[in-house]
Amino acid sequence: MRRIDAIGIAFGIFVAGGMIYGLLQVAGLDSLTAGIWSQFILVAGLVGWLATYIFRVLGKNMTYNQQLQEYEDAVLEKRLNEMTPEELAKLQGELEEE
């Protein structure tokens, strides 16, 4: 994620909070109650986002892990393609022994 993306997301959340506050006031809540509820909604959204982030970290479903796995697969495939037929036969024999 680029820095401008993070700034845009933060600005969007700021605007969303103001819109929620305004909608709650239009719905008939006084300014104090609307402020409390809009903060509650934003904090609940933040906690929900944090929970999804933690699940992705624990499940190793992060972009870095995916890129690392793709790189390792590409390196192994390249090494396999560079092996001579004799080396491939030897490797296959070793695998069959295990």
PDB file of N, CA and C in Angstrom:
ATOM      1  N   MET A   1       0.857  -1.169   0.000  1.00  0.00           N
ATOM      2  CA  MET A   1       0.000   0.000   0.000  1.00  0.00           C
ATOM      3  C   MET A   1       0.901   1.229   0.000  1.00  0.00           C
ATOM      4  N   ARG A   2       0.547   2.157  -0.846  1.00  0.00           N
ATOM      5  CA  ARG A   2       1.319   3.388  -0.922  1.00  0.00           C
ATOM      6  C   ARG A   2       0.860   4.369   0.147  1.00  0.00           C
ATOM      7  N   ARG A   3       1.698   5.357   0.397  1.00  0.00           N
ATOM      8  CA  ARG A   3       1.390   6.358   1.423  1.00  0.00           C
ATOM      9  C   ARG A   3       0.124   7.126   1.069  1.00  0.00           C
ATOM     10  N   ILE A   4      -0.051   7.453  -0.196  1.00  0.00           N
ATOM     11  CA  ILE A   4      -1.245   8.206  -0.603  1.00  0.00           C
ATOM     12  C   ILE A   4      -2.509   7.373  -0.396  1.00  0.00           C
ATOM     13  N   ASP A   5      -2.399   6.054  -0.546  1.00  0.00           N
ATOM     14  CA  ASP A   5      -3.551   5.187  -0.285  1.00  0.00           C
ATOM     15  C   ASP A   5      -3.941   5.231   1.189  1.00  0.00           C
ATOM     16  N   ALA A   6      -2.933   5.172   2.067  1.00  0.00           N
ATOM     17  CA  ALA A   6      -3.207   5.236   3.509  1.00  0.00           C
ATOM     18  C   ALA A   6      -3.830   6.578   3.883  1.00  0.00           C
ATOM     19  N   ILE A   7      -3.346   7.657   3.275  1.00  0.00           N
ATOM     20  CA  ILE A   7      -3.918   8.981   3.550  1.00  0.00           C
ATOM     21  C   ILE A   7      -5.358   9.032   3.064  1.00  0.00           C
ATOM     22  N   GLY A   8      -5.621   8.471   1.891  1.00  0.00           N
ATOM     23  CA  GLY A   8      -6.984   8.449   1.354  1.00  0.00           C
ATOM     24  C   GLY A   8      -7.928   7.643   2.223  1.00  0.00           C
ATOM     25  N   ILE A   9      -7.460   6.503   2.717  1.00  0.00           N
ATOM     26  CA  ILE A   9      -8.296   5.674   3.588  1.00  0.00           C
ATOM     27  C   ILE A   9      -8.601   6.417   4.888  1.00  0.00           C
ATOM     28  N   ALA A  10      -7.574   7.038   5.475  1.00  0.00           N
ATOM     29  CA  ALA A  10      -7.784   7.789   6.722  1.00  0.00           C
ATOM     30  C   ALA A  10      -8.763   8.937   6.502  1.00  0.00           C
ATOM     31  N   PHE A  11      -8.631   9.637   5.386  1.00  0.00           N
ATOM     32  CA  PHE A  11      -9.557  10.738   5.080  1.00  0.00           C
ATOM     33  C   PHE A  11     -10.976  10.198   4.878  1.00  0.00           C
ATOM     34  N   GLY A  12     -11.094   9.054   4.210  1.00  0.00           N
ATOM     35  CA  GLY A  12     -12.404   8.444   3.996  1.00  0.00           C
ATOM     36  C   GLY A  12     -13.075   8.050   5.304  1.00  0.00           C
ATOM     37  N   ILE A  13     -12.283   7.518   6.232  1.00  0.00           N
ATOM     38  CA  ILE A  13     -12.839   7.152   7.540  1.00  0.00           C
ATOM     39  C   ILE A  13     -13.276   8.408   8.290  1.00  0.00           C
ATOM     40  N   PHE A  14     -12.479   9.462   8.191  1.00  0.00           N
ATOM     41  CA  PHE A  14     -12.834  10.729   8.829  1.00  0.00           C
ATOM     42  C   PHE A  14     -14.161  11.258   8.273  1.00  0.00           C
ATOM     43  N   VAL A  15     -14.309  11.230   6.972  1.00  0.00           N
ATOM     44  CA  VAL A  15     -15.545  11.698   6.324  1.00  0.00           C
ATOM     45  C   VAL A  15     -16.721  10.797   6.708  1.00  0.00           C
ATOM     46  N   ALA A  16     -16.479   9.472   6.741  1.00  0.00           N
ATOM     47  CA  ALA A  16     -17.541   8.538   7.113  1.00  0.00           C
ATOM     48  C   ALA A  16     -18.025   8.805   8.537  1.00  0.00           C
ATOM     49  N   GLY A  17     -17.098   9.106   9.438  1.00  0.00           N
ATOM     50  CA  GLY A  17     -17.491   9.441  10.812  1.00  0.00           C
ATOM     51  C   GLY A  17     -18.370  10.669  10.864  1.00  0.00           C
ATOM     52  N   GLY A  18     -18.003  11.689  10.081  1.00  0.00           N
ATOM     53  CA  GLY A  18     -18.835  12.898  10.029  1.00  0.00           C
ATOM     54  C   GLY A  18     -20.202  12.626   9.437  1.00  0.00           C
ATOM     55  N   MET A  19     -20.248  11.769   8.419  1.00  0.00           N
ATOM     56  CA  MET A  19     -21.535  11.431   7.801  1.00  0.00           C
ATOM     57  C   MET A  19     -22.414  10.642   8.771  1.00  0.00           C
ATOM     58  N   ILE A  20     -21.814   9.710   9.494  1.00  0.00           N
ATOM     59  CA  ILE A  20     -22.581   8.934  10.482  1.00  0.00           C
ATOM     60  C   ILE A  20     -23.137   9.874  11.553  1.00  0.00           C
ATOM     61  N   TYR A  21     -22.286  10.797  12.009  1.00  0.00           N
ATOM     62  CA  TYR A  21     -22.722  11.772  13.005  1.00  0.00           C
ATOM     63  C   TYR A  21     -23.904  12.600  12.475  1.00  0.00           C
ATOM     64  N   GLY A  22     -23.778  13.061  11.252  1.00  0.00           N
ATOM     65  CA  GLY A  22     -24.851  13.863  10.651  1.00  0.00           C
ATOM     66  C   GLY A  22     -26.131  13.061  10.479  1.00  0.00           C
ATOM     67  N   LEU A  23     -26.007  11.821  10.014  1.00  0.00           N
ATOM     68  CA  LEU A  23     -27.189  10.977   9.833  1.00  0.00           C
ATOM     69  C   LEU A  23     -27.882  10.695  11.164  1.00  0.00           C
ATOM     70  N   LEU A  24     -27.097  10.491  12.210  1.00  0.00           N
ATOM     71  CA  LEU A  24     -27.700  10.241  13.525  1.00  0.00           C
ATOM     72  C   LEU A  24     -28.424  11.490  14.033  1.00  0.00           C
ATOM     73  N   GLN A  25     -27.876  12.650  13.753  1.00  0.00           N
ATOM     74  CA  GLN A  25     -28.572  13.878  14.168  1.00  0.00           C
ATOM     75  C   GLN A  25     -29.849  14.062  13.357  1.00  0.00           C
ATOM     76  N   VAL A  26     -29.806  13.748  12.064  1.00  0.00           N
ATOM     77  CA  VAL A  26     -31.007  13.844  11.236  1.00  0.00           C
ATOM     78  C   VAL A  26     -32.051  12.847  11.719  1.00  0.00           C
ATOM     79  N   ALA A  27     -31.601  11.699  12.236  1.00  0.00           N
ATOM     80  CA  ALA A  27     -32.518  10.683  12.732  1.00  0.00           C
ATOM     81  C   ALA A  27     -33.180  11.101  14.042  1.00  0.00           C
ATOM     82  N   GLY A  28     -32.707  12.192  14.654  1.00  0.00           N
ATOM     83  CA  GLY A  28     -33.394  12.701  15.836  1.00  0.00           C
ATOM     84  C   GLY A  28     -32.585  12.638  17.115  1.00  0.00           C
ATOM     85  N   LEU A  29     -31.336  12.196  17.060  1.00  0.00           N
ATOM     86  CA  LEU A  29     -30.524  12.156  18.276  1.00  0.00           C
ATOM     87  C   LEU A  29     -29.904  13.522  18.525  1.00  0.00           C
ATOM     88  N   ASP A  30     -29.721  13.848  19.823  1.00  0.00           N
ATOM     89  CA  ASP A  30     -29.040  15.112  20.114  1.00  0.00           C
ATOM     90  C   ASP A  30     -27.552  14.979  19.797  1.00  0.00           C
ATOM     91  N   SER A  31     -26.822  16.078  19.800  1.00  0.00           N
ATOM     92  CA  SER A  31     -25.428  16.068  19.331  1.00  0.00           C
ATOM     93  C   SER A  31     -24.530  15.184  20.211  1.00  0.00           C
ATOM     94  N   LEU A  32     -24.769  15.171  21.516  1.00  0.00           N
ATOM     95  CA  LEU A  32     -23.945  14.353  22.407  1.00  0.00           C
ATOM     96  C   LEU A  32     -24.159  12.861  22.132  1.00  0.00           C
ATOM     97  N   THR A  33     -25.399  12.443  22.055  1.00  0.00           N
ATOM     98  CA  THR A  33     -25.703  11.035  21.799  1.00  0.00           C
ATOM     99  C   THR A  33     -25.242  10.617  20.412  1.00  0.00           C
ATOM    100  N   ALA A  34     -25.433  11.485  19.429  1.00  0.00           N
ATOM    101  CA  ALA A  34     -24.982  11.179  18.068  1.00  0.00           C
ATOM    102  C   ALA A  34     -23.468  11.035  18.029  1.00  0.00           C
ATOM    103  N   GLY A  35     -22.762  11.876  18.781  1.00  0.00           N
ATOM    104  CA  GLY A  35     -21.300  11.786  18.846  1.00  0.00           C
ATOM    105  C   GLY A  35     -20.847  10.489  19.473  1.00  0.00           C
ATOM    106  N   ILE A  36     -21.503  10.089  20.540  1.00  0.00           N
ATOM    107  CA  ILE A  36     -21.140   8.837  21.220  1.00  0.00           C
ATOM    108  C   ILE A  36     -21.386   7.653  20.308  1.00  0.00           C
ATOM    109  N   TRP A  37     -22.545   7.617  19.644  1.00  0.00           N
ATOM    110  CA  TRP A  37     -22.856   6.488  18.771  1.00  0.00           C
ATOM    111  C   TRP A  37     -21.965   6.449  17.532  1.00  0.00           C
ATOM    112  N   SER A  38     -21.640   7.600  16.990  1.00  0.00           N
ATOM    113  CA  SER A  38     -20.759   7.604  15.817  1.00  0.00           C
ATOM    114  C   SER A  38     -19.364   7.121  16.207  1.00  0.00           C
ATOM    115  N   GLN A  39     -18.892   7.516  17.379  1.00  0.00           N
ATOM    116  CA  GLN A  39     -17.603   7.006  17.854  1.00  0.00           C
ATOM    117  C   GLN A  39     -17.669   5.503  18.088  1.00  0.00           C
ATOM    118  N   PHE A  40     -18.767   5.031  18.659  1.00  0.00           N
ATOM    119  CA  PHE A  40     -18.922   3.600  18.900  1.00  0.00           C
ATOM    120  C   PHE A  40     -18.874   2.821  17.583  1.00  0.00           C
ATOM    121  N   ILE A  41     -19.575   3.326  16.571  1.00  0.00           N
ATOM    122  CA  ILE A  41     -19.610   2.643  15.272  1.00  0.00           C
ATOM    123  C   ILE A  41     -18.215   2.613  14.648  1.00  0.00           C
ATOM    124  N   LEU A  42     -17.493   3.729  14.711  1.00  0.00           N
ATOM    125  CA  LEU A  42     -16.147   3.770  14.146  1.00  0.00           C
ATOM    126  C   LEU A  42     -15.178   2.866  14.903  1.00  0.00           C
ATOM    127  N   VAL A  43     -15.270   2.837  16.219  1.00  0.00           N
ATOM    128  CA  VAL A  43     -14.394   1.961  17.010  1.00  0.00           C
ATOM    129  C   VAL A  43     -14.740   0.503  16.738  1.00  0.00           C
ATOM    130  N   ALA A  44     -16.022   0.172  16.625  1.00  0.00           N
ATOM    131  CA  ALA A  44     -16.422  -1.201  16.309  1.00  0.00           C
ATOM    132  C   ALA A  44     -15.888  -1.602  14.933  1.00  0.00           C
ATOM    133  N   GLY A  45     -15.935  -0.689  13.971  1.00  0.00           N
ATOM    134  CA  GLY A  45     -15.370  -0.975  12.645  1.00  0.00           C
ATOM    135  C   GLY A  45     -13.876  -1.197  12.710  1.00  0.00           C
ATOM    136  N   LEU A  46     -13.174  -0.400  13.519  1.00  0.00           N
ATOM    137  CA  LEU A  46     -11.731  -0.559  13.683  1.00  0.00           C
ATOM    138  C   LEU A  46     -11.394  -1.899  14.329  1.00  0.00           C
ATOM    139  N   VAL A  47     -12.145  -2.278  15.353  1.00  0.00           N
ATOM    140  CA  VAL A  47     -11.903  -3.565  16.016  1.00  0.00           C
ATOM    141  C   VAL A  47     -12.191  -4.717  15.045  1.00  0.00           C
ATOM    142  N   GLY A  48     -13.230  -4.585  14.231  1.00  0.00           N
ATOM    143  CA  GLY A  48     -13.527  -5.613  13.229  1.00  0.00           C
ATOM    144  C   GLY A  48     -12.414  -5.736  12.205  1.00  0.00           C
ATOM    145  N   TRP A  49     -11.890  -4.600  11.716  1.00  0.00           N
ATOM    146  CA  TRP A  49     -10.782  -4.631  10.758  1.00  0.00           C
ATOM    147  C   TRP A  49      -9.553  -5.261  11.392  1.00  0.00           C
ATOM    148  N   LEU A  50      -9.282  -4.907  12.651  1.00  0.00           N
ATOM    149  CA  LEU A  50      -8.135  -5.467  13.363  1.00  0.00           C
ATOM    150  C   LEU A  50      -8.270  -6.980  13.510  1.00  0.00           C
ATOM    151  N   ALA A  51      -9.488  -7.462  13.773  1.00  0.00           N
ATOM    152  CA  ALA A  51      -9.714  -8.905  13.894  1.00  0.00           C
ATOM    153  C   ALA A  51      -9.426  -9.612  12.577  1.00  0.00           C
ATOM    154  N   THR A  52      -9.852  -9.029  11.455  1.00  0.00           N
ATOM    155  CA  THR A  52      -9.558  -9.666  10.169  1.00  0.00           C
ATOM    156  C   THR A  52      -8.060  -9.666   9.907  1.00  0.00           C
ATOM    157  N   TYR A  53      -7.363  -8.600  10.302  1.00  0.00           N
ATOM    158  CA  TYR A  53      -5.910  -8.527  10.120  1.00  0.00           C
ATOM    159  C   TYR A  53      -5.224  -9.620  10.941  1.00  0.00           C
ATOM    160  N   ILE A  54      -5.647  -9.786  12.181  1.00  0.00           N
ATOM    161  CA  ILE A  54      -5.037 -10.805  13.045  1.00  0.00           C
ATOM    162  C   ILE A  54      -5.282 -12.199  12.480  1.00  0.00           C
ATOM    163  N   PHE A  55      -6.490 -12.467  11.972  1.00  0.00           N
ATOM    164  CA  PHE A  55      -6.773 -13.772  11.373  1.00  0.00           C
ATOM    165  C   PHE A  55      -5.901 -14.019  10.145  1.00  0.00           C
ATOM    166  N   ARG A  56      -5.655 -12.966   9.341  1.00  0.00           N
ATOM    167  CA  ARG A  56      -4.795 -13.137   8.170  1.00  0.00           C
ATOM    168  C   ARG A  56      -3.354 -13.393   8.588  1.00  0.00           C
ATOM    169  N   VAL A  57      -2.891 -12.729   9.653  1.00  0.00           N
ATOM    170  CA  VAL A  57      -1.524 -12.941  10.133  1.00  0.00           C
ATOM    171  C   VAL A  57      -1.374 -14.356  10.669  1.00  0.00           C
ATOM    172  N   LEU A  58      -2.312 -14.790  11.500  1.00  0.00           N
ATOM    173  CA  LEU A  58      -2.216 -16.121  12.086  1.00  0.00           C
ATOM    174  C   LEU A  58      -2.375 -17.217  11.038  1.00  0.00           C
ATOM    175  N   GLY A  59      -3.175 -16.963  10.013  1.00  0.00           N
ATOM    176  CA  GLY A  59      -3.362 -17.935   8.944  1.00  0.00           C
ATOM    177  C   GLY A  59      -2.291 -17.848   7.867  1.00  0.00           C
ATOM    178  N   LYS A  60      -1.325 -16.938   8.064  1.00  0.00           N
ATOM    179  CA  LYS A  60      -0.245 -16.701   7.091  1.00  0.00           C
ATOM    180  C   LYS A  60      -0.807 -16.445   5.700  1.00  0.00           C
ATOM    181  N   ASN A  61      -1.853 -15.644   5.639  1.00  0.00           N
ATOM    182  CA  ASN A  61      -2.499 -15.300   4.382  1.00  0.00           C
ATOM    183  C   ASN A  61      -2.200 -13.838   4.035  1.00  0.00           C
ATOM    184  N   MET A  62      -0.963 -13.431   4.311  1.00  0.00           N
ATOM    185  CA  MET A  62      -0.541 -12.063   4.049  1.00  0.00           C
ATOM    186  C   MET A  62       0.145 -11.999   2.686  1.00  0.00           C
ATOM    187  N   THR A  63       0.202 -10.836   2.109  1.00  0.00           N
ATOM    188  CA  THR A  63       0.823 -10.649   0.797  1.00  0.00           C
ATOM    189  C   THR A  63       2.275 -11.099   0.824  1.00  0.00           C
ATOM    190  N   TYR A  64       3.008 -10.760   1.888  1.00  0.00           N
ATOM    191  CA  TYR A  64       4.418 -11.145   1.986  1.00  0.00           C
ATOM    192  C   TYR A  64       4.574 -12.659   1.938  1.00  0.00           C
ATOM    193  N   ASN A  65       3.760 -13.369   2.705  1.00  0.00           N
ATOM    194  CA  ASN A  65       3.858 -14.831   2.733  1.00  0.00           C
ATOM    195  C   ASN A  65       3.538 -15.419   1.367  1.00  0.00           C
ATOM    196  N   GLN A  66       2.555 -14.876   0.686  1.00  0.00           N
ATOM    197  CA  GLN A  66       2.195 -15.371  -0.641  1.00  0.00           C
ATOM    198  C   GLN A  66       3.318 -15.107  -1.638  1.00  0.00           C
ATOM    199  N   GLN A  67       3.922 -13.916  -1.587  1.00  0.00           N
ATOM    200  CA  GLN A  67       5.029 -13.605  -2.485  1.00  0.00           C
ATOM    201  C   GLN A  67       6.230 -14.491  -2.199  1.00  0.00           C
ATOM    202  N   LEU A  68       6.512 -14.739  -0.935  1.00  0.00           N
ATOM    203  CA  LEU A  68       7.631 -15.600  -0.561  1.00  0.00           C
ATOM    204  C   LEU A  68       7.410 -17.023  -1.065  1.00  0.00           C
ATOM    205  N   GLN A  69       6.203 -17.539  -0.928  1.00  0.00           N
ATOM    206  CA  GLN A  69       5.894 -18.888  -1.405  1.00  0.00           C
ATOM    207  C   GLN A  69       6.028 -18.970  -2.928  1.00  0.00           C
ATOM    208  N   GLU A  70       5.529 -17.957  -3.634  1.00  0.00           N
ATOM    209  CA  GLU A  70       5.650 -17.943  -5.096  1.00  0.00           C
ATOM    210  C   GLU A  70       7.115 -17.884  -5.518  1.00  0.00           C
ATOM    211  N   TYR A  71       7.931 -17.112  -4.796  1.00  0.00           N
ATOM    212  CA  TYR A  71       9.356 -17.023  -5.111  1.00  0.00           C
ATOM    213  C   TYR A  71      10.046 -18.361  -4.887  1.00  0.00           C
ATOM    214  N   GLU A  72       9.766 -18.997  -3.750  1.00  0.00           N
ATOM    215  CA  GLU A  72      10.376 -20.297  -3.467  1.00  0.00           C
ATOM    216  C   GLU A  72       9.975 -21.330  -4.513  1.00  0.00           C
ATOM    217  N   ASP A  73       8.718 -21.330  -4.919  1.00  0.00           N
ATOM    218  CA  ASP A  73       8.256 -22.256  -5.960  1.00  0.00           C
ATOM    219  C   ASP A  73       8.975 -21.998  -7.282  1.00  0.00           C
ATOM    220  N   ALA A  74       9.154 -20.723  -7.621  1.00  0.00           N
ATOM    221  CA  ALA A  74       9.829 -20.379  -8.874  1.00  0.00           C
ATOM    222  C   ALA A  74      11.293 -20.802  -8.847  1.00  0.00           C
ATOM    223  N   VAL A  75      11.957 -20.624  -7.702  1.00  0.00           N
ATOM    224  CA  VAL A  75      13.364 -21.026  -7.579  1.00  0.00           C
ATOM    225  C   VAL A  75      13.490 -22.538  -7.710  1.00  0.00           C
ATOM    226  N   LEU A  76      12.605 -23.274  -7.036  1.00  0.00           N
ATOM    227  CA  LEU A  76      12.666 -24.734  -7.118  1.00  0.00           C
ATOM    228  C   LEU A  76      12.367 -25.223  -8.534  1.00  0.00           C
ATOM    229  N   GLU A  77      11.414 -24.597  -9.201  1.00  0.00           N
ATOM    230  CA  GLU A  77      11.088 -24.984 -10.573  1.00  0.00           C
ATOM    231  C   GLU A  77      12.257 -24.697 -11.509  1.00  0.00           C
ATOM    232  N   LYS A  78      12.927 -23.569 -11.300  1.00  0.00           N
ATOM    233  CA  LYS A  78      14.087 -23.228 -12.125  1.00  0.00           C
ATOM    234  C   LYS A  78      15.202 -24.239 -11.913  1.00  0.00           C
ATOM    235  N   ARG A  79      15.462 -24.603 -10.658  1.00  0.00           N
ATOM    236  CA  ARG A  79      16.499 -25.604 -10.372  1.00  0.00           C
ATOM    237  C   ARG A  79      16.146 -26.945 -10.997  1.00  0.00           C
ATOM    238  N   LEU A  80      14.879 -27.306 -10.939  1.00  0.00           N
ATOM    239  CA  LEU A  80      14.445 -28.577 -11.519  1.00  0.00           C
ATOM    240  C   LEU A  80      14.624 -28.566 -13.038  1.00  0.00           C
ATOM    241  N   ASN A  81      14.313 -27.441 -13.669  1.00  0.00           N
ATOM    242  CA  ASN A  81      14.465 -27.344 -15.116  1.00  0.00           C
ATOM    243  C   ASN A  81      15.923 -27.357 -15.550  1.00  0.00           C
ATOM    244  N   GLU A  82      16.831 -26.921 -14.677  1.00  0.00           N
ATOM    245  CA  GLU A  82      18.254 -26.878 -15.015  1.00  0.00           C
ATOM    246  C   GLU A  82      18.962 -28.208 -14.769  1.00  0.00           C
ATOM    247  N   MET A  83      18.295 -29.152 -14.127  1.00  0.00           N
ATOM    248  CA  MET A  83      18.927 -30.440 -13.815  1.00  0.00           C
ATOM    249  C   MET A  83      19.048 -31.296 -15.073  1.00  0.00           C
ATOM    250  N   THR A  84      20.143 -32.042 -15.116  1.00  0.00           N
ATOM    251  CA  THR A  84      20.354 -32.960 -16.233  1.00  0.00           C
ATOM    252  C   THR A  84      19.481 -34.200 -16.022  1.00  0.00           C
ATOM    253  N   PRO A  85      19.265 -34.985 -17.075  1.00  0.00           N
ATOM    254  CA  PRO A  85      18.461 -36.210 -16.912  1.00  0.00           C
ATOM    255  C   PRO A  85      19.058 -37.177 -15.883  1.00  0.00           C
ATOM    256  N   GLU A  86      20.377 -37.219 -15.782  1.00  0.00           N
ATOM    257  CA  GLU A  86      21.014 -38.105 -14.780  1.00  0.00           C
ATOM    258  C   GLU A  86      20.706 -37.627 -13.364  1.00  0.00           C
ATOM    259  N   GLU A  87      20.755 -36.299 -13.163  1.00  0.00           N
ATOM    260  CA  GLU A  87      20.452 -35.746 -11.847  1.00  0.00           C
ATOM    261  C   GLU A  87      18.977 -35.961 -11.493  1.00  0.00           C
ATOM    262  N   LEU A  88      18.109 -35.837 -12.495  1.00  0.00           N
ATOM    263  CA  LEU A  88      16.690 -36.090 -12.258  1.00  0.00           C
ATOM    264  C   LEU A  88      16.446 -37.541 -11.873  1.00  0.00           C
ATOM    265  N   ALA A  89      17.121 -38.460 -12.547  1.00  0.00           N
ATOM    266  CA  ALA A  89      16.967 -39.882 -12.228  1.00  0.00           C
ATOM    267  C   ALA A  89      17.464 -40.161 -10.817  1.00  0.00           C
ATOM    268  N   LYS A  90      18.590 -39.561 -10.458  1.00  0.00           N
ATOM    269  CA  LYS A  90      19.139 -39.746  -9.107  1.00  0.00           C
ATOM    270  C   LYS A  90      18.172 -39.209  -8.053  1.00  0.00           C
ATOM    271  N   LEU A  91      17.605 -38.015  -8.309  1.00  0.00           N
ATOM    272  CA  LEU A  91      16.651 -37.411  -7.384  1.00  0.00           C
ATOM    273  C   LEU A  91      15.400 -38.264  -7.248  1.00  0.00           C
ATOM    274  N   GLN A  92      14.921 -38.785  -8.367  1.00  0.00           N
ATOM    275  CA  GLN A  92      13.734 -39.650  -8.338  1.00  0.00           C
ATOM    276  C   GLN A  92      14.014 -40.931  -7.560  1.00  0.00           C
ATOM    277  N   GLY A  93      15.222 -41.481  -7.729  1.00  0.00           N
ATOM    278  CA  GLY A  93      15.602 -42.657  -6.949  1.00  0.00           C
ATOM    279  C   GLY A  93      15.634 -42.389  -5.464  1.00  0.00           C
ATOM    280  N   GLU A  94      16.157 -41.233  -5.080  1.00  0.00           N
ATOM    281  CA  GLU A  94      16.198 -40.860  -3.660  1.00  0.00           C
ATOM    282  C   GLU A  94      14.797 -40.700  -3.101  1.00  0.00           C
ATOM    283  N   LEU A  95      13.894 -40.109  -3.882  1.00  0.00           N
ATOM    284  CA  LEU A  95      12.531 -39.921  -3.422  1.00  0.00           C
ATOM    285  C   LEU A  95      11.786 -41.236  -3.262  1.00  0.00           C
ATOM    286  N   GLU A  96      12.066 -42.185  -4.171  1.00  0.00           N
ATOM    287  CA  GLU A  96      11.412 -43.494  -4.080  1.00  0.00           C
ATOM    288  C   GLU A  96      11.895 -44.277  -2.874  1.00  0.00           C
ATOM    289  N   GLU A  97      13.162 -44.081  -2.470  1.00  0.00           N
ATOM    290  CA  GLU A  97      13.708 -44.757  -1.284  1.00  0.00           C
ATOM    291  C   GLU A  97      13.018 -44.276  -0.013  1.00  0.00           C
ATOM    292  N   GLU A  98      12.655 -42.998   0.013  1.00  0.00           N
ATOM    293  CA  GLU A  98      12.007 -42.426   1.200  1.00  0.00           C
ATOM    294  C   GLU A  98      10.575 -42.865   1.221  1.00  0.00           C
TER     295      GLU A  98
END
